[in-house]
Amino acid sequence: MKILTILEVGGLEGLVAMIILIIIGVAAAISLVITVFVKLIYESKDGRKFSKKQFWLTMLISMLICGLISGVICGGGL
């Protein structure tokens, strides 16, 4: 009997989509924590306010950095 690899089984599109959604969800959660931490630091000095635009821009930049780190790790760069 032949030994089948996981890619030869077929019909794994759902599994791949689930893995991608998990990676995006984890990156979003980490980015949210980082953004809240940055917001607390920013607002602690001189009574400044952190606008919604700054919040989402910081979250986007943080998610992009998480994506780069994930790509390096999953791509075999490390």
C-alpha atoms as a PDB file:
ATOM      1  CA  MET A   1       0.000   0.000   0.000  1.00  0.00           C
ATOM      2  CA  LYS A   2       1.204   3.489  -0.884  1.00  0.00           C
ATOM      3  CA  ILE A   3       1.868   6.015   1.841  1.00  0.00           C
ATOM      4  CA  LEU A   4      -0.167   9.153   1.146  1.00  0.00           C
ATOM      5  CA  THR A   5       0.998  12.577   2.152  1.00  0.00           C
ATOM      6  CA  ILE A   6      -1.504  15.109   3.459  1.00  0.00           C
ATOM      7  CA  LEU A   7      -1.525  16.989   0.141  1.00  0.00           C
ATOM      8  CA  GLU A   8      -2.432  13.855  -1.837  1.00  0.00           C
ATOM      9  CA  VAL A   9      -5.609  13.266   0.113  1.00  0.00           C
ATOM     10  CA  GLY A  10      -7.383  16.189  -1.542  1.00  0.00           C
ATOM     11  CA  GLY A  11     -10.269  18.382  -0.400  1.00  0.00           C
ATOM     12  CA  LEU A  12      -8.209  20.341   2.122  1.00  0.00           C
ATOM     13  CA  GLU A  13      -9.279  23.801   1.017  1.00  0.00           C
ATOM     14  CA  GLY A  14     -11.283  24.227   4.213  1.00  0.00           C
ATOM     15  CA  LEU A  15      -8.277  23.326   6.336  1.00  0.00           C
ATOM     16  CA  VAL A  16      -6.065  25.831   4.524  1.00  0.00           C
ATOM     17  CA  ALA A  17      -8.721  28.550   4.889  1.00  0.00           C
ATOM     18  CA  MET A  18      -9.065  27.736   8.595  1.00  0.00           C
ATOM     19  CA  ILE A  19      -5.305  27.986   9.151  1.00  0.00           C
ATOM     20  CA  ILE A  20      -5.192  31.353   7.353  1.00  0.00           C
ATOM     21  CA  LEU A  21      -8.137  32.677   9.402  1.00  0.00           C
ATOM     22  CA  ILE A  22      -6.483  31.521  12.632  1.00  0.00           C
ATOM     23  CA  ILE A  23      -3.265  33.337  11.677  1.00  0.00           C
ATOM     24  CA  ILE A  24      -5.216  36.514  10.868  1.00  0.00           C
ATOM     25  CA  GLY A  25      -7.210  36.246  14.110  1.00  0.00           C
ATOM     26  CA  VAL A  26      -4.108  35.813  16.243  1.00  0.00           C
ATOM     27  CA  ALA A  27      -2.401  38.720  14.454  1.00  0.00           C
ATOM     28  CA  ALA A  28      -5.482  40.904  15.045  1.00  0.00           C
ATOM     29  CA  ALA A  29      -5.585  40.009  18.748  1.00  0.00           C
ATOM     30  CA  ILE A  30      -1.879  40.726  19.210  1.00  0.00           C
ATOM     31  CA  SER A  31      -2.220  43.984  17.265  1.00  0.00           C
ATOM     32  CA  LEU A  32      -5.163  45.052  19.414  1.00  0.00           C
ATOM     33  CA  VAL A  33      -3.142  44.507  22.604  1.00  0.00           C
ATOM     34  CA  ILE A  34      -0.176  46.419  21.170  1.00  0.00           C
ATOM     35  CA  THR A  35      -2.427  49.272  19.982  1.00  0.00           C
ATOM     36  CA  VAL A  36      -4.134  49.609  23.366  1.00  0.00           C
ATOM     37  CA  PHE A  37      -0.712  49.659  25.033  1.00  0.00           C
ATOM     38  CA  VAL A  38       0.484  52.395  22.629  1.00  0.00           C
ATOM     39  CA  LYS A  39      -2.745  54.346  23.248  1.00  0.00           C
ATOM     40  CA  LEU A  40      -2.254  54.217  27.018  1.00  0.00           C
ATOM     41  CA  ILE A  41       1.329  55.464  26.700  1.00  0.00           C
ATOM     42  CA  TYR A  42       0.337  58.217  24.236  1.00  0.00           C
ATOM     43  CA  GLU A  43      -2.520  59.514  26.389  1.00  0.00           C
ATOM     44  CA  SER A  44      -0.514  59.427  29.623  1.00  0.00           C
ATOM     45  CA  LYS A  45       1.605  62.409  28.555  1.00  0.00           C
ATOM     46  CA  ASP A  46       0.290  65.989  28.501  1.00  0.00           C
ATOM     47  CA  GLY A  47      -3.394  64.976  28.273  1.00  0.00           C
ATOM     48  CA  ARG A  48      -3.226  64.168  24.554  1.00  0.00           C
ATOM     49  CA  LYS A  49      -6.035  62.254  22.841  1.00  0.00           C
ATOM     50  CA  PHE A  50      -5.595  59.213  20.604  1.00  0.00           C
ATOM     51  CA  SER A  51      -8.005  59.621  17.671  1.00  0.00           C
ATOM     52  CA  LYS A  52      -9.837  56.795  15.932  1.00  0.00           C
ATOM     53  CA  LYS A  53      -7.721  57.352  12.827  1.00  0.00           C
ATOM     54  CA  GLN A  54      -4.528  56.989  14.865  1.00  0.00           C
ATOM     55  CA  PHE A  55      -5.950  53.881  16.549  1.00  0.00           C
ATOM     56  CA  TRP A  56      -6.762  52.093  13.286  1.00  0.00           C
ATOM     57  CA  LEU A  57      -3.517  53.219  11.638  1.00  0.00           C
ATOM     58  CA  THR A  58      -1.508  51.885  14.587  1.00  0.00           C
ATOM     59  CA  MET A  59      -3.478  48.634  14.462  1.00  0.00           C
ATOM     60  CA  LEU A  60      -2.869  48.311  10.705  1.00  0.00           C
ATOM     61  CA  ILE A  61       0.868  48.912  11.057  1.00  0.00           C
ATOM     62  CA  SER A  62       1.031  46.423  13.911  1.00  0.00           C
ATOM     63  CA  MET A  63      -0.838  43.796  11.851  1.00  0.00           C
ATOM     64  CA  LEU A  64       1.512  44.344   8.921  1.00  0.00           C
ATOM     65  CA  ILE A  65       4.515  43.806  11.187  1.00  0.00           C
ATOM     66  CA  CYS A  66       2.884  40.660  12.618  1.00  0.00           C
ATOM     67  CA  GLY A  67       2.314  39.474   9.042  1.00  0.00           C
ATOM     68  CA  LEU A  68       5.941  40.043   8.158  1.00  0.00           C
ATOM     69  CA  ILE A  69       7.104  38.135  11.226  1.00  0.00           C
ATOM     70  CA  SER A  70       4.647  35.324  10.460  1.00  0.00           C
ATOM     71  CA  GLY A  71       5.829  35.189   6.860  1.00  0.00           C
ATOM     72  CA  VAL A  72       9.455  34.927   7.898  1.00  0.00           C
ATOM     73  CA  ILE A  73       8.716  32.178  10.408  1.00  0.00           C
ATOM     74  CA  CYS A  74       6.311  30.180   8.205  1.00  0.00           C
ATOM     75  CA  GLY A  75       8.380  30.775   5.078  1.00  0.00           C
ATOM     76  CA  GLY A  76      11.430  29.178   6.595  1.00  0.00           C
ATOM     77  CA  GLY A  77      13.510  32.342   6.938  1.00  0.00           C
ATOM     78  CA  LEU A  78      14.407  31.476  10.520  1.00  0.00           C
END
